[in-house]
N, C-alpha and C. Protein backbone atom coordinates (compact mmCIF):
# COMPACT_ATOMS: atom_id res chain seq x y z
N MET A 1 4.67 37.49 39.80
CA MET A 1 5.48 38.28 38.85
C MET A 1 6.95 37.96 39.07
N TYR A 2 7.71 37.73 38.02
CA TYR A 2 9.12 37.41 38.15
C TYR A 2 9.93 38.68 38.34
N LYS A 3 10.89 38.66 39.32
CA LYS A 3 11.61 39.87 39.68
C LYS A 3 12.90 40.06 38.91
N SER A 4 13.44 39.02 38.34
CA SER A 4 14.70 39.17 37.61
C SER A 4 14.71 38.25 36.41
N ILE A 5 15.66 38.53 35.53
CA ILE A 5 15.75 37.76 34.30
C ILE A 5 16.17 36.33 34.58
N GLY A 6 16.74 36.10 35.77
CA GLY A 6 17.18 34.76 36.10
C GLY A 6 16.12 33.90 36.73
N ASP A 7 14.98 34.48 37.05
CA ASP A 7 13.91 33.69 37.65
C ASP A 7 13.44 32.61 36.70
N PRO A 8 13.20 31.41 37.20
CA PRO A 8 12.78 30.32 36.31
C PRO A 8 11.36 30.52 35.80
N ILE A 9 11.15 30.23 34.55
CA ILE A 9 9.83 30.28 33.95
C ILE A 9 9.46 28.86 33.57
N PRO A 10 8.43 28.28 34.19
CA PRO A 10 8.10 26.87 33.93
C PRO A 10 7.94 26.56 32.46
N GLU A 11 7.25 27.43 31.73
CA GLU A 11 7.03 27.16 30.32
C GLU A 11 8.34 27.12 29.56
N ALA A 12 9.26 28.05 29.90
CA ALA A 12 10.54 28.10 29.21
C ALA A 12 11.37 26.85 29.50
N ARG A 13 11.34 26.42 30.78
CA ARG A 13 12.08 25.20 31.12
C ARG A 13 11.57 24.02 30.30
N HIS A 14 10.25 23.96 30.17
CA HIS A 14 9.66 22.85 29.41
C HIS A 14 10.12 22.89 27.96
N LEU A 15 10.12 24.08 27.36
CA LEU A 15 10.52 24.21 25.97
C LEU A 15 11.98 23.84 25.79
N VAL A 16 12.83 24.24 26.73
CA VAL A 16 14.25 23.90 26.62
C VAL A 16 14.45 22.39 26.71
N LEU A 17 13.74 21.76 27.62
CA LEU A 17 13.87 20.31 27.76
C LEU A 17 13.45 19.58 26.49
N VAL A 18 12.37 20.05 25.89
CA VAL A 18 11.92 19.43 24.65
C VAL A 18 12.92 19.63 23.54
N ALA A 19 13.52 20.82 23.49
CA ALA A 19 14.44 21.15 22.41
C ALA A 19 15.72 20.34 22.48
N VAL A 20 16.21 20.06 23.70
CA VAL A 20 17.49 19.39 23.80
C VAL A 20 17.35 17.90 24.08
N GLU A 21 16.12 17.44 24.19
CA GLU A 21 15.91 16.04 24.50
C GLU A 21 16.55 15.15 23.46
N ASP A 22 17.30 14.15 23.92
CA ASP A 22 18.05 13.29 23.01
C ASP A 22 17.48 11.89 22.97
N GLU A 23 16.25 11.73 23.47
CA GLU A 23 15.65 10.41 23.47
C GLU A 23 15.07 10.09 22.11
N ALA A 24 14.84 8.80 21.88
CA ALA A 24 14.23 8.37 20.62
C ALA A 24 12.82 8.93 20.53
N PRO A 25 12.34 9.24 19.32
CA PRO A 25 10.98 9.75 19.17
C PRO A 25 9.98 8.71 19.63
N PRO A 26 8.80 9.15 20.05
CA PRO A 26 7.79 8.19 20.52
C PRO A 26 7.37 7.25 19.41
N ASP A 27 6.96 6.06 19.80
CA ASP A 27 6.49 5.08 18.84
C ASP A 27 5.23 5.62 18.17
N ASP A 28 5.29 5.88 16.87
CA ASP A 28 4.15 6.51 16.22
C ASP A 28 2.97 5.56 16.06
N ARG A 29 3.14 4.30 16.43
CA ARG A 29 1.99 3.39 16.42
C ARG A 29 1.01 3.74 17.55
N HIS A 30 1.49 4.52 18.53
CA HIS A 30 0.64 4.84 19.66
C HIS A 30 0.21 6.31 19.65
N VAL A 31 0.47 7.01 18.55
CA VAL A 31 0.10 8.42 18.45
C VAL A 31 -1.34 8.54 17.97
N ALA A 32 -2.09 9.36 18.66
CA ALA A 32 -3.45 9.74 18.26
C ALA A 32 -4.28 8.55 17.80
N PRO A 33 -4.71 7.67 18.70
CA PRO A 33 -5.49 6.51 18.29
C PRO A 33 -6.77 6.87 17.56
N ARG A 34 -7.41 7.99 17.92
CA ARG A 34 -8.62 8.40 17.19
C ARG A 34 -8.30 8.71 15.74
N LEU A 35 -7.13 9.33 15.52
CA LEU A 35 -6.71 9.62 14.15
C LEU A 35 -6.58 8.34 13.35
N LEU A 36 -6.03 7.29 13.97
CA LEU A 36 -5.75 6.06 13.24
C LEU A 36 -7.00 5.23 12.98
N THR A 37 -7.92 5.24 13.92
CA THR A 37 -9.03 4.29 13.83
C THR A 37 -10.35 4.90 13.42
N THR A 38 -10.44 6.24 13.41
CA THR A 38 -11.73 6.86 13.12
C THR A 38 -11.66 7.83 11.96
N THR A 39 -10.94 8.94 12.14
CA THR A 39 -11.01 10.01 11.15
C THR A 39 -10.04 9.82 10.00
N ARG A 40 -8.86 9.24 10.27
CA ARG A 40 -7.79 9.14 9.27
C ARG A 40 -7.53 10.48 8.60
N CYS A 41 -7.58 11.54 9.35
CA CYS A 41 -7.22 12.87 8.85
C CYS A 41 -5.82 13.21 9.34
N ARG A 42 -5.21 14.19 8.71
CA ARG A 42 -3.87 14.60 9.11
C ARG A 42 -3.89 15.21 10.51
N PRO A 43 -2.75 15.19 11.19
CA PRO A 43 -2.72 15.68 12.57
C PRO A 43 -3.19 17.12 12.73
N SER A 44 -2.94 17.96 11.74
CA SER A 44 -3.29 19.38 11.84
C SER A 44 -4.72 19.68 11.41
N GLU A 45 -5.43 18.69 10.92
CA GLU A 45 -6.76 18.92 10.35
C GLU A 45 -7.86 18.71 11.38
N VAL A 46 -8.88 19.54 11.29
CA VAL A 46 -10.06 19.39 12.15
C VAL A 46 -11.16 18.75 11.31
N PRO A 47 -11.48 17.47 11.58
CA PRO A 47 -12.45 16.78 10.74
C PRO A 47 -13.89 17.12 11.07
N THR A 48 -14.72 17.06 10.06
CA THR A 48 -16.15 17.12 10.23
C THR A 48 -16.74 15.95 9.46
N THR A 49 -18.03 15.75 9.57
CA THR A 49 -18.65 14.63 8.86
C THR A 49 -19.44 15.13 7.66
N VAL A 50 -19.36 14.37 6.60
CA VAL A 50 -20.10 14.67 5.37
C VAL A 50 -20.93 13.43 5.02
N ALA A 51 -22.23 13.57 5.00
CA ALA A 51 -23.12 12.46 4.65
C ALA A 51 -23.26 12.40 3.13
N LEU A 52 -22.97 11.24 2.54
CA LEU A 52 -23.04 11.08 1.09
C LEU A 52 -23.84 9.83 0.75
N ARG A 53 -24.70 9.97 -0.24
CA ARG A 53 -25.39 8.81 -0.80
C ARG A 53 -24.98 8.74 -2.27
N LEU A 54 -24.06 7.83 -2.56
CA LEU A 54 -23.52 7.71 -3.91
C LEU A 54 -24.49 6.99 -4.83
N THR A 55 -24.33 7.22 -6.14
CA THR A 55 -25.09 6.45 -7.11
C THR A 55 -24.62 5.00 -7.06
N ASP A 56 -25.41 4.11 -7.62
CA ASP A 56 -25.06 2.69 -7.58
C ASP A 56 -23.71 2.42 -8.24
N SER A 57 -23.47 3.06 -9.39
CA SER A 57 -22.21 2.81 -10.10
C SER A 57 -21.03 3.38 -9.32
N ALA A 58 -21.22 4.54 -8.70
CA ALA A 58 -20.13 5.12 -7.90
C ALA A 58 -19.87 4.28 -6.66
N LEU A 59 -20.91 3.75 -6.06
CA LEU A 59 -20.74 2.92 -4.88
C LEU A 59 -20.01 1.63 -5.22
N ARG A 60 -20.31 1.06 -6.38
CA ARG A 60 -19.59 -0.16 -6.80
C ARG A 60 -18.11 0.16 -7.00
N ARG A 61 -17.83 1.30 -7.63
CA ARG A 61 -16.43 1.70 -7.84
C ARG A 61 -15.74 1.92 -6.50
N ALA A 62 -16.43 2.53 -5.56
CA ALA A 62 -15.85 2.80 -4.25
C ALA A 62 -15.57 1.50 -3.51
N ARG A 63 -16.50 0.56 -3.57
CA ARG A 63 -16.29 -0.72 -2.90
C ARG A 63 -15.08 -1.44 -3.48
N ALA A 64 -14.96 -1.41 -4.80
CA ALA A 64 -13.82 -2.08 -5.44
C ALA A 64 -12.51 -1.39 -5.04
N GLY A 65 -12.53 -0.05 -5.03
CA GLY A 65 -11.33 0.68 -4.66
C GLY A 65 -10.91 0.42 -3.22
N ALA A 66 -11.88 0.45 -2.31
CA ALA A 66 -11.57 0.21 -0.90
C ALA A 66 -11.10 -1.22 -0.68
N SER A 67 -11.72 -2.16 -1.37
CA SER A 67 -11.36 -3.57 -1.21
C SER A 67 -9.94 -3.85 -1.70
N ALA A 68 -9.44 -3.04 -2.62
CA ALA A 68 -8.09 -3.21 -3.14
C ALA A 68 -7.04 -2.62 -2.20
N THR A 69 -7.49 -1.93 -1.14
CA THR A 69 -6.59 -1.32 -0.17
C THR A 69 -6.93 -1.87 1.22
N VAL A 70 -6.33 -1.27 2.24
CA VAL A 70 -6.67 -1.65 3.62
C VAL A 70 -7.66 -0.66 4.22
N LEU A 71 -8.15 0.26 3.41
CA LEU A 71 -8.98 1.34 3.93
C LEU A 71 -10.44 0.97 4.07
N ASP A 72 -11.10 1.63 5.00
CA ASP A 72 -12.54 1.55 5.06
C ASP A 72 -13.13 2.32 3.88
N LEU A 73 -14.38 2.04 3.59
CA LEU A 73 -15.03 2.61 2.42
C LEU A 73 -15.06 4.13 2.48
N GLU A 74 -15.39 4.69 3.64
CA GLU A 74 -15.53 6.14 3.75
C GLU A 74 -14.21 6.87 3.51
N THR A 75 -13.12 6.33 4.04
CA THR A 75 -11.83 6.98 3.84
C THR A 75 -11.42 6.93 2.38
N TRP A 76 -11.65 5.79 1.75
CA TRP A 76 -11.31 5.70 0.32
C TRP A 76 -12.10 6.72 -0.48
N VAL A 77 -13.37 6.88 -0.17
CA VAL A 77 -14.20 7.85 -0.89
C VAL A 77 -13.66 9.26 -0.71
N ARG A 78 -13.27 9.60 0.51
CA ARG A 78 -12.71 10.94 0.74
C ARG A 78 -11.48 11.18 -0.12
N LEU A 79 -10.57 10.22 -0.13
CA LEU A 79 -9.35 10.37 -0.92
C LEU A 79 -9.66 10.41 -2.41
N ALA A 80 -10.61 9.60 -2.85
CA ALA A 80 -10.96 9.55 -4.27
C ALA A 80 -11.59 10.86 -4.73
N VAL A 81 -12.52 11.38 -3.95
CA VAL A 81 -13.18 12.63 -4.33
C VAL A 81 -12.15 13.76 -4.44
N GLU A 82 -11.27 13.85 -3.46
CA GLU A 82 -10.30 14.94 -3.47
C GLU A 82 -9.25 14.76 -4.56
N ALA A 83 -8.82 13.53 -4.82
CA ALA A 83 -7.85 13.29 -5.89
C ALA A 83 -8.44 13.68 -7.24
N ALA A 84 -9.66 13.26 -7.50
CA ALA A 84 -10.31 13.61 -8.77
C ALA A 84 -10.51 15.12 -8.89
N ARG A 85 -10.92 15.75 -7.80
CA ARG A 85 -11.15 17.20 -7.81
C ARG A 85 -9.86 17.96 -8.11
N GLN A 86 -8.78 17.57 -7.47
CA GLN A 86 -7.52 18.28 -7.66
C GLN A 86 -6.91 18.02 -9.03
N ALA A 87 -7.02 16.80 -9.54
CA ALA A 87 -6.50 16.51 -10.87
C ALA A 87 -7.26 17.31 -11.92
N SER A 88 -8.58 17.38 -11.80
CA SER A 88 -9.39 18.15 -12.74
C SER A 88 -9.07 19.64 -12.65
N ARG A 89 -8.87 20.12 -11.44
CA ARG A 89 -8.53 21.53 -11.24
C ARG A 89 -7.20 21.87 -11.90
N ALA A 90 -6.19 21.02 -11.71
CA ALA A 90 -4.88 21.26 -12.31
C ALA A 90 -4.96 21.22 -13.83
N ALA A 91 -5.71 20.26 -14.37
CA ALA A 91 -5.85 20.14 -15.82
C ALA A 91 -6.53 21.39 -16.40
N ASP A 92 -7.54 21.89 -15.71
CA ASP A 92 -8.23 23.09 -16.18
C ASP A 92 -7.34 24.33 -16.11
N LEU A 93 -6.63 24.48 -15.01
CA LEU A 93 -5.77 25.65 -14.83
C LEU A 93 -4.65 25.71 -15.85
N LEU A 94 -4.10 24.56 -16.21
CA LEU A 94 -2.94 24.51 -17.10
C LEU A 94 -3.30 24.13 -18.52
N ASP A 95 -4.60 23.91 -18.76
CA ASP A 95 -5.07 23.51 -20.09
C ASP A 95 -4.34 22.25 -20.57
N LEU A 96 -4.27 21.27 -19.69
CA LEU A 96 -3.64 20.00 -19.99
C LEU A 96 -4.69 18.90 -20.07
N PRO A 97 -4.48 17.89 -20.89
CA PRO A 97 -5.39 16.74 -20.88
C PRO A 97 -5.37 16.07 -19.51
N ILE A 98 -6.51 15.66 -19.03
CA ILE A 98 -6.58 15.06 -17.70
C ILE A 98 -5.73 13.79 -17.61
N ASP A 99 -5.68 13.02 -18.70
CA ASP A 99 -4.87 11.80 -18.68
C ASP A 99 -3.38 12.12 -18.49
N GLU A 100 -2.94 13.24 -19.07
CA GLU A 100 -1.54 13.64 -18.92
C GLU A 100 -1.25 14.03 -17.47
N VAL A 101 -2.17 14.72 -16.85
CA VAL A 101 -2.00 15.12 -15.46
C VAL A 101 -1.97 13.89 -14.56
N VAL A 102 -2.91 12.98 -14.74
CA VAL A 102 -2.97 11.78 -13.92
C VAL A 102 -1.71 10.94 -14.09
N GLY A 103 -1.24 10.80 -15.33
CA GLY A 103 -0.02 10.03 -15.58
C GLY A 103 1.19 10.63 -14.88
N ALA A 104 1.29 11.95 -14.92
CA ALA A 104 2.42 12.63 -14.27
C ALA A 104 2.37 12.45 -12.76
N ILE A 105 1.17 12.51 -12.20
CA ILE A 105 1.04 12.37 -10.75
C ILE A 105 1.29 10.93 -10.32
N ASP A 106 0.81 9.98 -11.09
CA ASP A 106 1.10 8.57 -10.79
C ASP A 106 2.61 8.32 -10.75
N HIS A 107 3.31 8.88 -11.74
CA HIS A 107 4.77 8.72 -11.80
C HIS A 107 5.44 9.39 -10.61
N ALA A 108 5.02 10.61 -10.30
CA ALA A 108 5.61 11.34 -9.18
C ALA A 108 5.36 10.62 -7.85
N ALA A 109 4.19 10.02 -7.72
CA ALA A 109 3.87 9.29 -6.49
C ALA A 109 4.79 8.09 -6.33
N ALA A 110 5.05 7.38 -7.44
CA ALA A 110 5.94 6.22 -7.38
C ALA A 110 7.36 6.64 -7.01
N VAL A 111 7.82 7.76 -7.56
CA VAL A 111 9.16 8.25 -7.26
C VAL A 111 9.26 8.68 -5.80
N THR A 112 8.23 9.36 -5.32
CA THR A 112 8.24 9.88 -3.95
C THR A 112 8.32 8.76 -2.93
N MET A 113 7.77 7.60 -3.25
CA MET A 113 7.79 6.49 -2.30
C MET A 113 9.21 6.02 -2.01
N SER A 114 10.17 6.35 -2.88
CA SER A 114 11.56 5.94 -2.65
C SER A 114 12.33 6.96 -1.83
N VAL A 115 11.69 8.09 -1.52
CA VAL A 115 12.34 9.15 -0.75
C VAL A 115 12.00 8.98 0.73
N ARG A 116 13.01 8.98 1.58
CA ARG A 116 12.76 8.84 3.02
C ARG A 116 12.24 10.17 3.56
N PRO A 117 11.04 10.18 4.11
CA PRO A 117 10.48 11.44 4.58
C PRO A 117 11.10 11.88 5.91
N VAL A 118 11.23 13.20 6.07
CA VAL A 118 11.70 13.75 7.34
C VAL A 118 10.49 14.41 8.00
N ILE A 119 9.71 13.61 8.69
CA ILE A 119 8.49 14.09 9.31
C ILE A 119 8.36 13.53 10.71
N GLY A 120 7.51 14.14 11.51
CA GLY A 120 7.36 13.75 12.89
C GLY A 120 6.46 12.54 13.07
N ALA A 121 6.42 12.08 14.32
CA ALA A 121 5.65 10.88 14.65
C ALA A 121 4.17 10.99 14.30
N PRO A 122 3.50 12.14 14.56
CA PRO A 122 2.08 12.20 14.21
C PRO A 122 1.81 11.99 12.73
N MET A 123 2.65 12.59 11.86
CA MET A 123 2.44 12.40 10.43
C MET A 123 2.78 10.97 10.02
N ASN A 124 3.81 10.40 10.63
CA ASN A 124 4.11 9.00 10.36
C ASN A 124 2.94 8.10 10.74
N ALA A 125 2.30 8.45 11.84
CA ALA A 125 1.13 7.67 12.28
C ALA A 125 0.02 7.78 11.25
N TYR A 126 -0.16 8.97 10.72
CA TYR A 126 -1.19 9.17 9.68
C TYR A 126 -0.86 8.34 8.45
N LEU A 127 0.38 8.37 8.01
CA LEU A 127 0.77 7.60 6.84
C LEU A 127 0.56 6.10 7.08
N ARG A 128 0.91 5.66 8.29
CA ARG A 128 0.71 4.24 8.59
C ARG A 128 -0.77 3.88 8.57
N SER A 129 -1.61 4.82 9.01
CA SER A 129 -3.05 4.54 9.06
C SER A 129 -3.63 4.32 7.67
N LEU A 130 -2.95 4.85 6.64
CA LEU A 130 -3.42 4.65 5.27
C LEU A 130 -2.95 3.33 4.67
N ARG A 131 -2.05 2.67 5.38
CA ARG A 131 -1.46 1.43 4.85
C ARG A 131 -1.76 0.21 5.70
N GLU A 132 -2.35 0.42 6.88
CA GLU A 132 -2.66 -0.70 7.76
C GLU A 132 -4.15 -0.75 8.03
N PRO A 133 -4.72 -1.94 8.20
CA PRO A 133 -6.16 -2.06 8.41
C PRO A 133 -6.63 -1.33 9.66
N SER A 134 -7.83 -0.82 9.60
CA SER A 134 -8.45 -0.16 10.74
C SER A 134 -9.34 -1.16 11.47
N PRO A 135 -9.12 -1.38 12.78
CA PRO A 135 -9.93 -2.35 13.52
C PRO A 135 -11.41 -2.02 13.45
N GLY A 136 -12.21 -3.01 13.14
CA GLY A 136 -13.65 -2.83 13.14
C GLY A 136 -14.20 -2.09 11.95
N ALA A 137 -13.37 -1.82 10.94
CA ALA A 137 -13.84 -1.09 9.76
C ALA A 137 -13.48 -1.86 8.51
N PRO A 138 -14.25 -2.91 8.17
CA PRO A 138 -13.92 -3.72 7.00
C PRO A 138 -14.01 -2.92 5.71
N ALA A 139 -13.00 -3.08 4.86
CA ALA A 139 -13.01 -2.36 3.59
C ALA A 139 -14.16 -2.83 2.72
N GLY A 140 -14.77 -1.91 2.02
CA GLY A 140 -15.82 -2.26 1.08
C GLY A 140 -17.11 -2.68 1.72
N ALA A 141 -17.38 -2.27 2.96
CA ALA A 141 -18.61 -2.66 3.63
C ALA A 141 -19.83 -2.14 2.87
N ASP A 142 -20.93 -2.81 3.04
CA ASP A 142 -22.15 -2.47 2.30
C ASP A 142 -22.95 -1.43 3.08
N ARG A 143 -22.85 -0.17 2.68
CA ARG A 143 -23.57 0.90 3.34
C ARG A 143 -24.30 1.72 2.29
N ALA A 144 -25.56 1.98 2.52
CA ALA A 144 -26.34 2.77 1.57
C ALA A 144 -25.94 4.24 1.64
N GLN A 145 -25.77 4.74 2.86
CA GLN A 145 -25.34 6.13 3.04
C GLN A 145 -24.03 6.16 3.81
N LEU A 146 -23.08 6.91 3.30
CA LEU A 146 -21.76 6.98 3.92
C LEU A 146 -21.66 8.23 4.78
N VAL A 147 -20.95 8.11 5.87
CA VAL A 147 -20.61 9.26 6.69
C VAL A 147 -19.09 9.40 6.63
N VAL A 148 -18.64 10.38 5.85
CA VAL A 148 -17.23 10.54 5.54
C VAL A 148 -16.62 11.59 6.45
N TYR A 149 -15.50 11.26 7.08
CA TYR A 149 -14.74 12.26 7.82
C TYR A 149 -13.88 13.02 6.83
N ALA A 150 -13.97 14.34 6.85
CA ALA A 150 -13.15 15.18 5.98
C ALA A 150 -12.80 16.46 6.72
N PRO A 151 -11.62 17.02 6.45
CA PRO A 151 -11.29 18.31 7.04
C PRO A 151 -12.37 19.33 6.69
N TYR A 152 -12.63 20.24 7.59
CA TYR A 152 -13.71 21.21 7.40
C TYR A 152 -13.55 21.98 6.09
N GLU A 153 -12.30 22.35 5.77
CA GLU A 153 -12.06 23.10 4.53
C GLU A 153 -12.45 22.30 3.30
N LEU A 154 -12.17 21.00 3.32
CA LEU A 154 -12.53 20.16 2.17
C LEU A 154 -14.03 20.04 2.05
N ALA A 155 -14.70 19.83 3.17
CA ALA A 155 -16.15 19.71 3.13
C ALA A 155 -16.79 20.96 2.54
N THR A 156 -16.26 22.11 2.90
CA THR A 156 -16.76 23.37 2.36
C THR A 156 -16.47 23.48 0.87
N ALA A 157 -15.24 23.13 0.48
CA ALA A 157 -14.86 23.20 -0.93
C ALA A 157 -15.71 22.27 -1.78
N TRP A 158 -15.98 21.07 -1.29
CA TRP A 158 -16.82 20.14 -2.04
C TRP A 158 -18.22 20.73 -2.27
N THR A 159 -18.76 21.30 -1.22
CA THR A 159 -20.09 21.88 -1.33
C THR A 159 -20.11 23.02 -2.34
N MET A 160 -19.10 23.87 -2.30
CA MET A 160 -19.03 25.01 -3.23
C MET A 160 -18.85 24.52 -4.67
N ASP A 161 -18.04 23.50 -4.87
CA ASP A 161 -17.84 22.96 -6.22
C ASP A 161 -19.12 22.32 -6.75
N ALA A 162 -19.84 21.64 -5.88
CA ALA A 162 -21.11 21.04 -6.30
C ALA A 162 -22.11 22.12 -6.70
N ILE A 163 -22.17 23.19 -5.93
CA ILE A 163 -23.08 24.31 -6.26
C ILE A 163 -22.68 24.93 -7.58
N ALA A 164 -21.36 25.14 -7.78
CA ALA A 164 -20.88 25.74 -9.03
C ALA A 164 -21.22 24.88 -10.23
N ALA A 165 -21.25 23.58 -10.03
CA ALA A 165 -21.57 22.65 -11.13
C ALA A 165 -23.07 22.47 -11.30
N GLY A 166 -23.86 23.08 -10.43
CA GLY A 166 -25.31 22.94 -10.51
C GLY A 166 -25.79 21.54 -10.17
N MET A 167 -25.09 20.90 -9.25
CA MET A 167 -25.41 19.52 -8.88
C MET A 167 -25.61 19.41 -7.38
N SER A 168 -26.30 18.35 -6.96
CA SER A 168 -26.35 18.05 -5.55
C SER A 168 -24.98 17.53 -5.12
N LEU A 169 -24.69 17.60 -3.83
CA LEU A 169 -23.40 17.10 -3.34
C LEU A 169 -23.27 15.60 -3.61
N ASP A 170 -24.36 14.85 -3.46
CA ASP A 170 -24.32 13.41 -3.72
C ASP A 170 -23.96 13.12 -5.17
N ALA A 171 -24.61 13.83 -6.10
CA ALA A 171 -24.36 13.60 -7.53
C ALA A 171 -22.94 14.03 -7.90
N TRP A 172 -22.51 15.17 -7.36
CA TRP A 172 -21.16 15.66 -7.66
C TRP A 172 -20.11 14.71 -7.13
N ALA A 173 -20.27 14.26 -5.89
CA ALA A 173 -19.30 13.34 -5.30
C ALA A 173 -19.27 12.01 -6.06
N SER A 174 -20.42 11.55 -6.50
CA SER A 174 -20.47 10.31 -7.28
C SER A 174 -19.66 10.45 -8.57
N LEU A 175 -19.78 11.60 -9.21
CA LEU A 175 -19.03 11.85 -10.43
C LEU A 175 -17.52 11.84 -10.16
N GLN A 176 -17.11 12.42 -9.04
CA GLN A 176 -15.69 12.43 -8.69
C GLN A 176 -15.18 11.01 -8.43
N VAL A 177 -15.97 10.22 -7.74
CA VAL A 177 -15.57 8.84 -7.45
C VAL A 177 -15.39 8.05 -8.74
N LEU A 178 -16.29 8.25 -9.68
CA LEU A 178 -16.21 7.52 -10.95
C LEU A 178 -15.01 7.95 -11.79
N SER A 179 -14.56 9.17 -11.62
CA SER A 179 -13.43 9.66 -12.42
C SER A 179 -12.11 9.65 -11.65
N ALA A 180 -12.12 9.12 -10.45
CA ALA A 180 -10.92 9.13 -9.62
C ALA A 180 -9.83 8.23 -10.20
N PRO A 181 -8.56 8.58 -9.97
CA PRO A 181 -7.46 7.72 -10.42
C PRO A 181 -7.46 6.40 -9.68
N CYS A 182 -6.68 5.47 -10.18
CA CYS A 182 -6.70 4.11 -9.62
C CYS A 182 -6.16 4.04 -8.20
N ASP A 183 -5.02 4.70 -7.95
CA ASP A 183 -4.38 4.57 -6.63
C ASP A 183 -4.42 5.89 -5.89
N VAL A 184 -5.57 6.21 -5.36
CA VAL A 184 -5.73 7.49 -4.65
C VAL A 184 -4.92 7.49 -3.35
N VAL A 185 -4.68 6.33 -2.78
CA VAL A 185 -3.91 6.26 -1.55
C VAL A 185 -2.47 6.69 -1.81
N ALA A 186 -1.90 6.24 -2.92
CA ALA A 186 -0.51 6.60 -3.25
C ALA A 186 -0.36 8.11 -3.42
N TRP A 187 -1.36 8.76 -3.99
CA TRP A 187 -1.30 10.21 -4.16
C TRP A 187 -1.25 10.91 -2.81
N GLU A 188 -2.13 10.53 -1.92
CA GLU A 188 -2.18 11.18 -0.60
C GLU A 188 -0.91 10.90 0.20
N VAL A 189 -0.43 9.67 0.13
CA VAL A 189 0.80 9.32 0.85
C VAL A 189 1.97 10.12 0.30
N ALA A 190 2.09 10.23 -1.01
CA ALA A 190 3.19 10.97 -1.62
C ALA A 190 3.14 12.44 -1.23
N ALA A 191 1.96 13.04 -1.26
CA ALA A 191 1.83 14.44 -0.88
C ALA A 191 2.24 14.65 0.57
N ALA A 192 1.77 13.77 1.45
CA ALA A 192 2.09 13.90 2.87
C ALA A 192 3.58 13.71 3.12
N ARG A 193 4.18 12.78 2.41
CA ARG A 193 5.62 12.55 2.58
C ARG A 193 6.43 13.75 2.13
N ARG A 194 5.89 14.52 1.20
CA ARG A 194 6.55 15.75 0.74
C ARG A 194 6.21 16.94 1.63
N GLY A 195 5.38 16.73 2.63
CA GLY A 195 4.99 17.82 3.51
C GLY A 195 4.01 18.78 2.87
N CYS A 196 3.23 18.27 1.90
CA CYS A 196 2.28 19.12 1.18
C CYS A 196 0.86 18.59 1.36
N TYR A 197 -0.09 19.48 1.19
CA TYR A 197 -1.47 19.04 1.04
C TYR A 197 -1.63 18.54 -0.39
N LEU A 198 -2.63 17.71 -0.60
CA LEU A 198 -2.78 17.07 -1.91
C LEU A 198 -2.89 18.10 -3.04
N GLY A 199 -3.69 19.13 -2.83
CA GLY A 199 -3.90 20.11 -3.89
C GLY A 199 -2.63 20.80 -4.33
N GLU A 200 -1.81 21.24 -3.38
CA GLU A 200 -0.58 21.95 -3.75
C GLU A 200 0.43 21.00 -4.40
N TRP A 201 0.46 19.74 -3.93
CA TRP A 201 1.39 18.79 -4.54
C TRP A 201 0.96 18.43 -5.96
N VAL A 202 -0.32 18.19 -6.17
CA VAL A 202 -0.82 17.86 -7.50
C VAL A 202 -0.53 19.00 -8.47
N LEU A 203 -0.79 20.24 -8.05
CA LEU A 203 -0.55 21.37 -8.93
C LEU A 203 0.94 21.53 -9.24
N ALA A 204 1.80 21.32 -8.25
CA ALA A 204 3.24 21.42 -8.49
C ALA A 204 3.70 20.37 -9.49
N VAL A 205 3.22 19.15 -9.36
CA VAL A 205 3.59 18.09 -10.29
C VAL A 205 3.07 18.41 -11.69
N ALA A 206 1.85 18.90 -11.79
CA ALA A 206 1.27 19.24 -13.10
C ALA A 206 2.04 20.39 -13.75
N LEU A 207 2.45 21.37 -12.94
CA LEU A 207 3.24 22.48 -13.48
C LEU A 207 4.56 21.99 -14.05
N GLU A 208 5.21 21.10 -13.32
CA GLU A 208 6.48 20.54 -13.80
C GLU A 208 6.27 19.73 -15.08
N ALA A 209 5.19 18.97 -15.14
CA ALA A 209 4.90 18.20 -16.35
C ALA A 209 4.63 19.13 -17.52
N ASN A 210 3.98 20.25 -17.26
CA ASN A 210 3.69 21.22 -18.31
C ASN A 210 4.97 21.85 -18.84
N ARG A 211 5.90 22.17 -17.93
CA ARG A 211 7.17 22.77 -18.36
C ARG A 211 8.01 21.78 -19.15
N SER A 212 7.92 20.51 -18.77
CA SER A 212 8.73 19.49 -19.42
C SER A 212 8.16 19.01 -20.75
N SER A 213 6.89 19.34 -20.99
CA SER A 213 6.21 18.87 -22.18
C SER A 213 6.65 19.66 -23.41
N ALA A 214 6.64 18.97 -24.55
CA ALA A 214 6.99 19.65 -25.80
C ALA A 214 5.82 20.43 -26.38
N ARG A 215 4.62 20.22 -25.79
CA ARG A 215 3.43 20.92 -26.32
C ARG A 215 3.51 22.38 -25.94
N PRO A 216 2.79 23.26 -26.67
CA PRO A 216 2.79 24.68 -26.34
C PRO A 216 2.36 24.90 -24.89
N GLN A 217 2.98 25.88 -24.23
CA GLN A 217 2.69 26.14 -22.84
C GLN A 217 1.33 26.81 -22.69
N ALA A 218 0.69 26.52 -21.55
CA ALA A 218 -0.62 27.12 -21.28
C ALA A 218 -0.46 28.60 -20.97
């Protein structure tokens, strides 16, 4: 037990040292190797696995999408499913054509890439993992059943959306993959650079597009 206010507290000393440290930030290439090479989830996310067996047409689309990026097939599928889900959700909420929503988000993603993000090393490592090849994980590999790493909340949301649509998770996910925008990686990168999750960023962009549109408001 500490007897006076001047007694040193190890935890407090550690916090003070971290707060005033003037050294360069750690090289984010060495942050969380599991994050970079396996899950490709954000630093704050707890990943779980989702087993998916896509339809033949969805699998072909996924292979083409992954091959056009540096991503492994499973990561591309995760980003594609969530991008399609969020774009559809925003379009439904705001009563906007889906093409209008996708166009607005594509434009916002391109603009965001010119903004220098103010984020820490772990998030920078995550962003780099979406742009650099993953060792031992060739893009577009031929797999009949995919094991996708996804944050637990997303896995739950996907399951609930599939149930609401009266579809199996495999069929629902295949539909999302087929309707996904072209550059799902740019969407996720732009959202992360803004310090947002994809859903909140997509909805914010769609709301702004709705306000700027000459069409009647939803």
